N, C-alpha and C. Protein backbone atom coordinates (compact mmCIF):
# COMPACT_ATOMS: atom_id res chain seq x y z
N MET A 1 31.32 14.10 10.95
CA MET A 1 32.05 13.47 9.49
C MET A 1 30.73 12.48 9.08
N GLU A 2 30.45 11.82 9.83
CA GLU A 2 29.14 10.64 9.91
C GLU A 2 28.54 11.18 9.74
N THR A 3 27.94 12.68 10.34
CA THR A 3 26.49 12.59 10.30
C THR A 3 26.23 13.74 8.33
N ASP A 4 27.12 14.23 8.35
CA ASP A 4 27.09 14.41 6.54
C ASP A 4 26.59 13.18 5.29
N ALA A 5 27.76 11.23 5.73
CA ALA A 5 27.17 10.93 5.17
C ALA A 5 25.81 10.15 5.80
N TYR A 6 25.05 9.97 6.50
CA TYR A 6 23.25 10.11 6.62
C TYR A 6 23.05 10.59 5.98
N ILE A 7 23.18 12.21 6.51
CA ILE A 7 21.97 12.91 5.74
C ILE A 7 21.82 12.33 4.20
N ALA A 8 22.76 12.65 3.95
CA ALA A 8 23.47 12.62 1.98
C ALA A 8 22.72 10.64 1.55
N ASN A 9 22.83 9.92 2.29
CA ASN A 9 21.89 8.98 2.47
C ASN A 9 20.78 8.98 2.22
N TYR A 10 20.27 9.54 3.28
CA TYR A 10 18.64 9.89 3.55
C TYR A 10 18.16 11.00 2.56
N GLY A 11 19.12 11.86 1.90
CA GLY A 11 18.72 12.57 1.01
C GLY A 11 18.57 12.44 -0.82
N THR A 12 19.17 10.68 -0.62
CA THR A 12 19.04 10.03 -2.16
C THR A 12 17.53 9.36 -1.85
N ILE A 13 17.43 8.94 -0.95
CA ILE A 13 16.33 8.04 -0.48
C ILE A 13 15.28 9.16 -0.68
N ALA A 14 15.37 9.97 -0.16
CA ALA A 14 14.42 11.40 -0.72
C ALA A 14 14.31 11.18 -1.92
N LEU A 15 15.37 11.51 -2.61
CA LEU A 15 14.84 11.83 -4.46
C LEU A 15 14.54 10.27 -4.97
N PHE A 16 15.04 10.10 -4.82
CA PHE A 16 13.94 8.08 -5.05
C PHE A 16 12.61 8.39 -4.96
N ILE A 17 12.31 8.55 -3.82
CA ILE A 17 11.19 8.79 -3.38
C ILE A 17 10.26 9.89 -4.19
N GLY A 18 10.67 11.24 -4.07
CA GLY A 18 10.11 11.83 -4.66
C GLY A 18 9.99 11.32 -6.65
N VAL A 19 11.03 11.35 -6.94
CA VAL A 19 10.91 10.44 -8.22
C VAL A 19 9.83 9.84 -8.23
N ALA A 20 10.20 8.94 -7.65
CA ALA A 20 8.73 7.51 -8.03
C ALA A 20 7.66 8.53 -7.76
N VAL A 21 7.01 9.62 -6.93
CA VAL A 21 5.65 9.66 -6.40
C VAL A 21 5.57 10.75 -7.99
N LEU A 22 6.36 11.56 -8.42
CA LEU A 22 6.51 12.27 -10.19
C LEU A 22 6.41 11.56 -11.13
N PHE A 23 5.92 9.93 -11.40
CA PHE A 23 6.09 8.64 -11.82
C PHE A 23 4.81 8.90 -11.92
N ALA A 24 4.31 8.45 -10.44
CA ALA A 24 3.00 8.47 -11.07
C ALA A 24 1.84 9.60 -11.14
N VAL A 25 2.06 10.72 -10.77
CA VAL A 25 1.64 11.94 -10.36
C VAL A 25 1.46 12.09 -11.74
N ILE A 26 2.35 12.80 -12.40
CA ILE A 26 2.20 12.85 -13.57
C ILE A 26 1.73 12.63 -14.98
N PRO A 27 1.30 11.76 -15.27
CA PRO A 27 0.46 10.69 -16.23
C PRO A 27 -0.90 11.14 -15.59
N LEU A 28 -1.16 10.64 -14.45
CA LEU A 28 -2.43 11.65 -13.97
C LEU A 28 -3.16 12.17 -14.63
N MET A 29 -2.28 13.85 -14.22
CA MET A 29 -2.09 15.58 -14.20
C MET A 29 -2.60 15.37 -15.91
N ILE A 30 -1.80 14.64 -16.06
CA ILE A 30 -1.55 15.12 -17.88
C ILE A 30 -2.87 14.51 -18.73
N ALA A 31 -2.99 13.37 -18.13
CA ALA A 31 -4.35 12.58 -18.45
C ALA A 31 -5.51 13.86 -18.34
N ALA A 32 -5.57 13.95 -17.21
CA ALA A 32 -6.84 15.41 -16.57
C ALA A 32 -6.41 16.42 -17.13
N ILE A 33 -5.48 16.85 -17.96
CA ILE A 33 -6.19 17.93 -18.67
C ILE A 33 -5.92 17.70 -19.93
N ILE A 34 -5.49 16.41 -20.68
CA ILE A 34 -5.71 16.71 -21.82
C ILE A 34 -6.91 15.88 -21.95
N ALA A 35 -7.55 14.98 -21.36
CA ALA A 35 -8.49 14.03 -21.65
C ALA A 35 -9.51 14.25 -22.00
N PRO A 36 -10.47 13.76 -23.00
CA PRO A 36 -12.14 15.08 -23.60
C PRO A 36 -13.02 14.67 -22.79
N ARG A 37 -13.79 15.55 -22.40
CA ARG A 37 -14.82 15.27 -21.56
C ARG A 37 -15.96 15.11 -22.03
N LYS A 38 -16.74 14.22 -22.19
CA LYS A 38 -17.56 14.10 -23.24
C LYS A 38 -18.75 12.87 -22.58
N PRO A 39 -19.88 13.81 -21.53
CA PRO A 39 -20.45 12.87 -20.96
C PRO A 39 -21.95 12.25 -20.71
N GLY A 40 -22.04 11.31 -20.86
CA GLY A 40 -23.15 11.34 -21.66
C GLY A 40 -24.10 9.79 -20.53
N ARG A 41 -25.31 9.41 -20.53
CA ARG A 41 -26.18 8.85 -19.89
C ARG A 41 -25.19 7.10 -20.97
N VAL A 42 -25.15 6.81 -21.73
CA VAL A 42 -24.15 6.24 -22.48
C VAL A 42 -22.83 5.51 -21.29
N LYS A 43 -22.21 6.53 -21.69
CA LYS A 43 -20.62 6.54 -20.89
C LYS A 43 -20.96 6.28 -20.08
N GLY A 44 -22.43 6.85 -18.69
CA GLY A 44 -22.35 7.17 -17.30
C GLY A 44 -22.96 5.27 -16.82
N ASP A 45 -22.99 4.57 -17.60
CA ASP A 45 -24.01 3.13 -17.22
C ASP A 45 -22.40 2.33 -16.88
N THR A 46 -23.32 1.56 -15.93
CA THR A 46 -22.10 0.41 -15.37
C THR A 46 -21.62 -0.67 -16.63
N TYR A 47 -20.60 -1.49 -16.49
CA TYR A 47 -20.22 -2.03 -17.63
C TYR A 47 -19.85 -3.12 -17.05
N GLU A 48 -20.26 -4.60 -17.92
CA GLU A 48 -19.93 -5.44 -16.66
C GLU A 48 -19.63 -6.55 -17.16
N CYS A 49 -18.66 -7.20 -18.16
CA CYS A 49 -18.74 -7.97 -19.61
C CYS A 49 -19.07 -8.46 -20.99
N GLY A 50 -19.66 -6.75 -20.77
CA GLY A 50 -20.20 -6.64 -22.26
C GLY A 50 -21.90 -6.87 -22.46
N LEU A 51 -22.53 -6.79 -21.12
CA LEU A 51 -23.64 -7.09 -20.99
C LEU A 51 -24.54 -6.59 -20.30
N GLU A 52 -25.37 -5.83 -20.21
CA GLU A 52 -26.04 -4.46 -19.46
C GLU A 52 -26.41 -5.36 -18.18
N SER A 53 -25.96 -4.30 -17.11
CA SER A 53 -26.34 -4.62 -15.89
C SER A 53 -28.03 -5.19 -15.63
N LYS A 54 -28.37 -5.93 -14.61
CA LYS A 54 -30.08 -5.95 -14.28
C LYS A 54 -29.89 -5.89 -12.71
N GLY A 55 -30.47 -5.16 -12.25
CA GLY A 55 -31.22 -5.47 -10.80
C GLY A 55 -30.28 -4.74 -9.98
N ASP A 56 -30.25 -5.31 -8.65
CA ASP A 56 -29.36 -4.18 -7.61
C ASP A 56 -28.35 -4.82 -7.70
N ALA A 57 -26.62 -4.38 -7.63
CA ALA A 57 -25.41 -4.62 -7.21
C ALA A 57 -25.10 -5.05 -6.40
N TRP A 58 -26.51 -4.58 -4.95
CA TRP A 58 -25.77 -5.09 -3.50
C TRP A 58 -26.72 -7.00 -3.64
N VAL A 59 -26.18 -7.62 -4.30
CA VAL A 59 -26.96 -9.07 -3.95
C VAL A 59 -25.99 -9.88 -2.83
N GLN A 60 -27.33 -10.80 -1.97
CA GLN A 60 -25.83 -11.42 -0.99
C GLN A 60 -25.37 -12.69 -1.59
N PHE A 61 -24.15 -12.92 -1.03
CA PHE A 61 -23.74 -14.36 -1.11
C PHE A 61 -23.48 -15.21 0.03
N HIS A 62 -23.35 -16.59 -0.58
CA HIS A 62 -23.55 -17.18 1.09
C HIS A 62 -22.57 -16.63 1.67
N ALA A 63 -21.71 -17.21 2.78
CA ALA A 63 -20.51 -17.27 3.40
C ALA A 63 -19.66 -18.05 3.07
N GLN A 64 -20.29 -19.07 2.88
CA GLN A 64 -19.09 -20.58 2.73
C GLN A 64 -18.58 -19.86 1.62
N TYR A 65 -18.76 -18.78 0.27
CA TYR A 65 -17.76 -17.86 -0.43
C TYR A 65 -16.24 -17.64 0.09
N TYR A 66 -16.62 -17.36 0.95
CA TYR A 66 -15.64 -16.14 2.25
C TYR A 66 -14.67 -17.46 2.47
N HIS A 67 -15.43 -18.97 2.76
CA HIS A 67 -14.52 -19.67 3.48
C HIS A 67 -13.49 -19.56 2.19
N TYR A 68 -14.24 -20.04 1.08
CA TYR A 68 -12.99 -20.41 0.14
C TYR A 68 -12.32 -19.21 -0.60
N ALA A 69 -12.03 -18.33 -0.24
CA ALA A 69 -11.80 -17.65 -0.30
C ALA A 69 -10.80 -17.26 0.87
N LEU A 70 -11.15 -17.50 1.81
CA LEU A 70 -9.95 -17.06 3.17
C LEU A 70 -9.16 -18.44 3.30
N ALA A 71 -10.14 -19.29 2.59
CA ALA A 71 -8.80 -20.30 2.39
C ALA A 71 -8.13 -20.40 1.50
N PHE A 72 -8.10 -20.01 0.18
CA PHE A 72 -7.35 -20.28 -0.88
C PHE A 72 -6.10 -19.26 -0.42
N VAL A 73 -6.47 -17.60 0.19
CA VAL A 73 -5.60 -16.88 0.30
C VAL A 73 -4.52 -17.67 1.19
N ILE A 74 -5.10 -17.80 2.53
CA ILE A 74 -3.94 -19.06 3.16
C ILE A 74 -3.12 -19.98 2.95
N PHE A 75 -3.54 -20.61 1.37
CA PHE A 75 -2.81 -21.64 1.08
C PHE A 75 -2.06 -21.04 -0.19
N ASP A 76 -2.30 -20.09 -0.57
CA ASP A 76 -1.54 -19.23 -1.45
C ASP A 76 -0.38 -18.85 -0.91
N VAL A 77 -0.70 -17.27 0.16
CA VAL A 77 -0.14 -16.89 0.63
C VAL A 77 1.60 -18.51 1.22
N GLU A 78 0.69 -19.40 1.77
CA GLU A 78 1.95 -20.26 2.25
C GLU A 78 2.61 -20.93 0.77
N ALA A 79 1.71 -21.32 -0.14
CA ALA A 79 2.86 -21.66 -1.31
C ALA A 79 3.64 -21.00 -1.61
N LEU A 80 3.39 -19.18 -1.27
CA LEU A 80 4.19 -18.74 -1.53
C LEU A 80 5.82 -18.52 -0.59
N PHE A 81 5.41 -19.07 0.77
CA PHE A 81 6.87 -19.50 1.23
C PHE A 81 7.38 -20.13 0.78
N LEU A 82 6.88 -21.31 0.28
CA LEU A 82 7.34 -23.00 0.23
C LEU A 82 8.68 -22.18 -1.46
N PHE A 83 8.16 -21.44 -2.33
CA PHE A 83 9.31 -21.00 -3.18
C PHE A 83 10.80 -20.73 -3.00
N PRO A 84 10.55 -19.36 -2.16
CA PRO A 84 12.15 -19.43 -2.04
C PRO A 84 12.94 -20.80 -0.81
N TRP A 85 12.35 -21.01 -0.55
CA TRP A 85 13.20 -22.34 0.16
C TRP A 85 13.09 -23.43 -1.38
N ALA A 86 12.56 -24.01 -1.97
CA ALA A 86 12.77 -24.43 -2.80
C ALA A 86 13.81 -24.38 -3.85
N VAL A 87 13.77 -22.85 -4.10
CA VAL A 87 15.02 -22.42 -5.11
C VAL A 87 16.28 -22.82 -4.03
N ALA A 88 16.67 -22.47 -2.92
CA ALA A 88 17.33 -22.65 -1.55
C ALA A 88 17.97 -24.27 -1.46
N PHE A 89 16.84 -25.19 -1.79
CA PHE A 89 17.40 -26.37 -1.34
C PHE A 89 18.17 -26.84 -0.98
N THR A 90 19.00 -27.49 -2.48
CA THR A 90 20.31 -27.70 -2.28
C THR A 90 21.30 -27.13 -1.62
N ASN A 91 21.63 -25.90 -0.87
CA ASN A 91 22.54 -25.26 0.11
C ASN A 91 22.06 -25.21 1.35
N LEU A 92 21.42 -25.73 1.23
CA LEU A 92 20.22 -25.49 2.77
C LEU A 92 20.71 -26.80 3.79
N GLY A 93 20.62 -26.91 5.49
CA GLY A 93 21.26 -28.25 5.62
C GLY A 93 19.99 -29.11 6.35
N PRO A 94 20.06 -29.99 7.14
CA PRO A 94 18.60 -30.76 7.80
C PRO A 94 17.88 -29.59 9.18
N GLY A 95 18.19 -28.40 9.36
CA GLY A 95 17.39 -27.14 10.19
C GLY A 95 16.61 -27.04 9.60
N PRO A 96 16.62 -25.79 8.11
CA PRO A 96 16.01 -25.34 7.59
C PRO A 96 14.77 -26.99 6.24
N PHE A 97 15.24 -28.08 6.53
CA PHE A 97 14.71 -29.12 6.08
C PHE A 97 13.55 -29.27 7.30
N LEU A 98 14.13 -29.54 8.22
CA LEU A 98 12.83 -29.85 9.32
C LEU A 98 12.28 -28.73 9.80
N ALA A 99 11.92 -27.40 9.73
CA ALA A 99 11.15 -26.79 9.98
C ALA A 99 10.14 -26.23 8.90
N ILE A 100 10.91 -26.59 7.47
CA ILE A 100 9.55 -26.73 6.37
C ILE A 100 8.60 -27.94 6.07
N CYS A 101 9.71 -28.94 7.08
CA CYS A 101 8.94 -30.11 7.30
C CYS A 101 7.27 -29.79 7.84
N ALA A 102 8.19 -29.53 8.82
CA ALA A 102 6.63 -28.49 10.18
C ALA A 102 5.71 -27.87 9.77
N PHE A 103 6.53 -26.57 8.58
CA PHE A 103 5.59 -25.98 7.75
C PHE A 103 4.18 -26.51 7.16
N VAL A 104 4.80 -27.61 6.19
CA VAL A 104 4.23 -28.03 5.43
C VAL A 104 3.09 -29.23 6.23
N LEU A 105 3.55 -29.94 7.29
CA LEU A 105 2.82 -30.20 8.09
C LEU A 105 1.70 -29.23 8.85
N ILE A 106 2.00 -28.67 8.68
CA ILE A 106 0.85 -27.35 9.76
C ILE A 106 -0.49 -26.66 8.34
N LEU A 107 0.64 -26.96 7.44
CA LEU A 107 -0.72 -27.30 6.10
C LEU A 107 -1.30 -27.98 5.95
N ALA A 108 -0.72 -29.08 6.03
CA ALA A 108 -1.38 -30.30 5.62
C ALA A 108 -2.96 -30.39 7.23
N GLU A 109 -2.40 -29.94 7.90
CA GLU A 109 -3.18 -29.92 9.20
C GLU A 109 -4.48 -29.13 9.25
N SER A 110 -4.16 -28.04 8.63
CA SER A 110 -5.34 -27.18 8.31
C SER A 110 -6.26 -27.43 6.75
N LEU A 111 -5.42 -28.15 6.38
CA LEU A 111 -6.79 -27.80 4.95
C LEU A 111 -7.43 -29.45 5.55
N VAL A 112 -6.47 -30.32 6.54
CA VAL A 112 -7.74 -31.87 6.88
C VAL A 112 -8.73 -31.36 8.18
N TYR A 113 -8.29 -29.79 9.04
CA TYR A 113 -9.02 -29.40 9.64
C TYR A 113 -10.63 -28.41 8.47
N LEU A 114 -10.09 -28.00 7.72
CA LEU A 114 -10.58 -27.76 6.58
C LEU A 114 -11.71 -28.49 6.03
N TRP A 115 -11.37 -29.46 5.68
CA TRP A 115 -12.09 -30.59 5.45
C TRP A 115 -12.67 -31.54 6.25
N LEU A 116 -12.66 -32.01 7.36
CA LEU A 116 -13.76 -32.55 8.28
C LEU A 116 -14.30 -31.21 8.81
N LYS A 117 -14.15 -29.73 8.72
CA LYS A 117 -15.04 -29.04 8.98
C LYS A 117 -16.00 -29.02 8.27
N GLY A 118 -16.26 -29.39 7.25
CA GLY A 118 -17.32 -28.92 6.56
C GLY A 118 -16.83 -28.04 4.65
N VAL A 119 -15.67 -26.79 4.97
CA VAL A 119 -15.91 -26.12 4.02
C VAL A 119 -15.82 -26.49 3.05
N LEU A 120 -15.03 -27.03 2.54
CA LEU A 120 -14.59 -27.72 1.01
C LEU A 120 -15.88 -28.57 0.52
N ASP A 121 -16.58 -28.99 1.29
CA ASP A 121 -17.85 -29.55 0.78
C ASP A 121 -18.64 -28.35 -0.29
N ILE A 122 -19.29 -29.26 -1.60
CA ILE A 122 -19.91 -28.15 -2.26
C ILE A 122 -21.73 -28.37 -1.92
N LYS A 123 -22.09 -27.43 -1.64
CA LYS A 123 -23.92 -27.29 -0.98
C LYS A 123 -24.24 -26.83 -2.25
């Protein structure tokens, strides 16, 4: 009897997954069938911010930009972890408060490390 309930639950999940896939695939198929096909030189050109592209697309950037990007992603994700804690702040005890204090201390430590390493300096 319990296995029938498990199968029914998995069937419901499979149905939801199937409907989700159909919601994604059906518009793509309709667009592929209905969309007009008028290839041309102008239509096939690369378009960037309303300006005609000049030069090679493979331009090398300084490695420091990657450091900025990684630091942004790290702090952005860590800030994202602070939002649920801030919402539930009034219902929490001292344990979660100390945990978030340690978390913010690690954030501050990583910021000081990046600062002393010179990653945040504009060169």
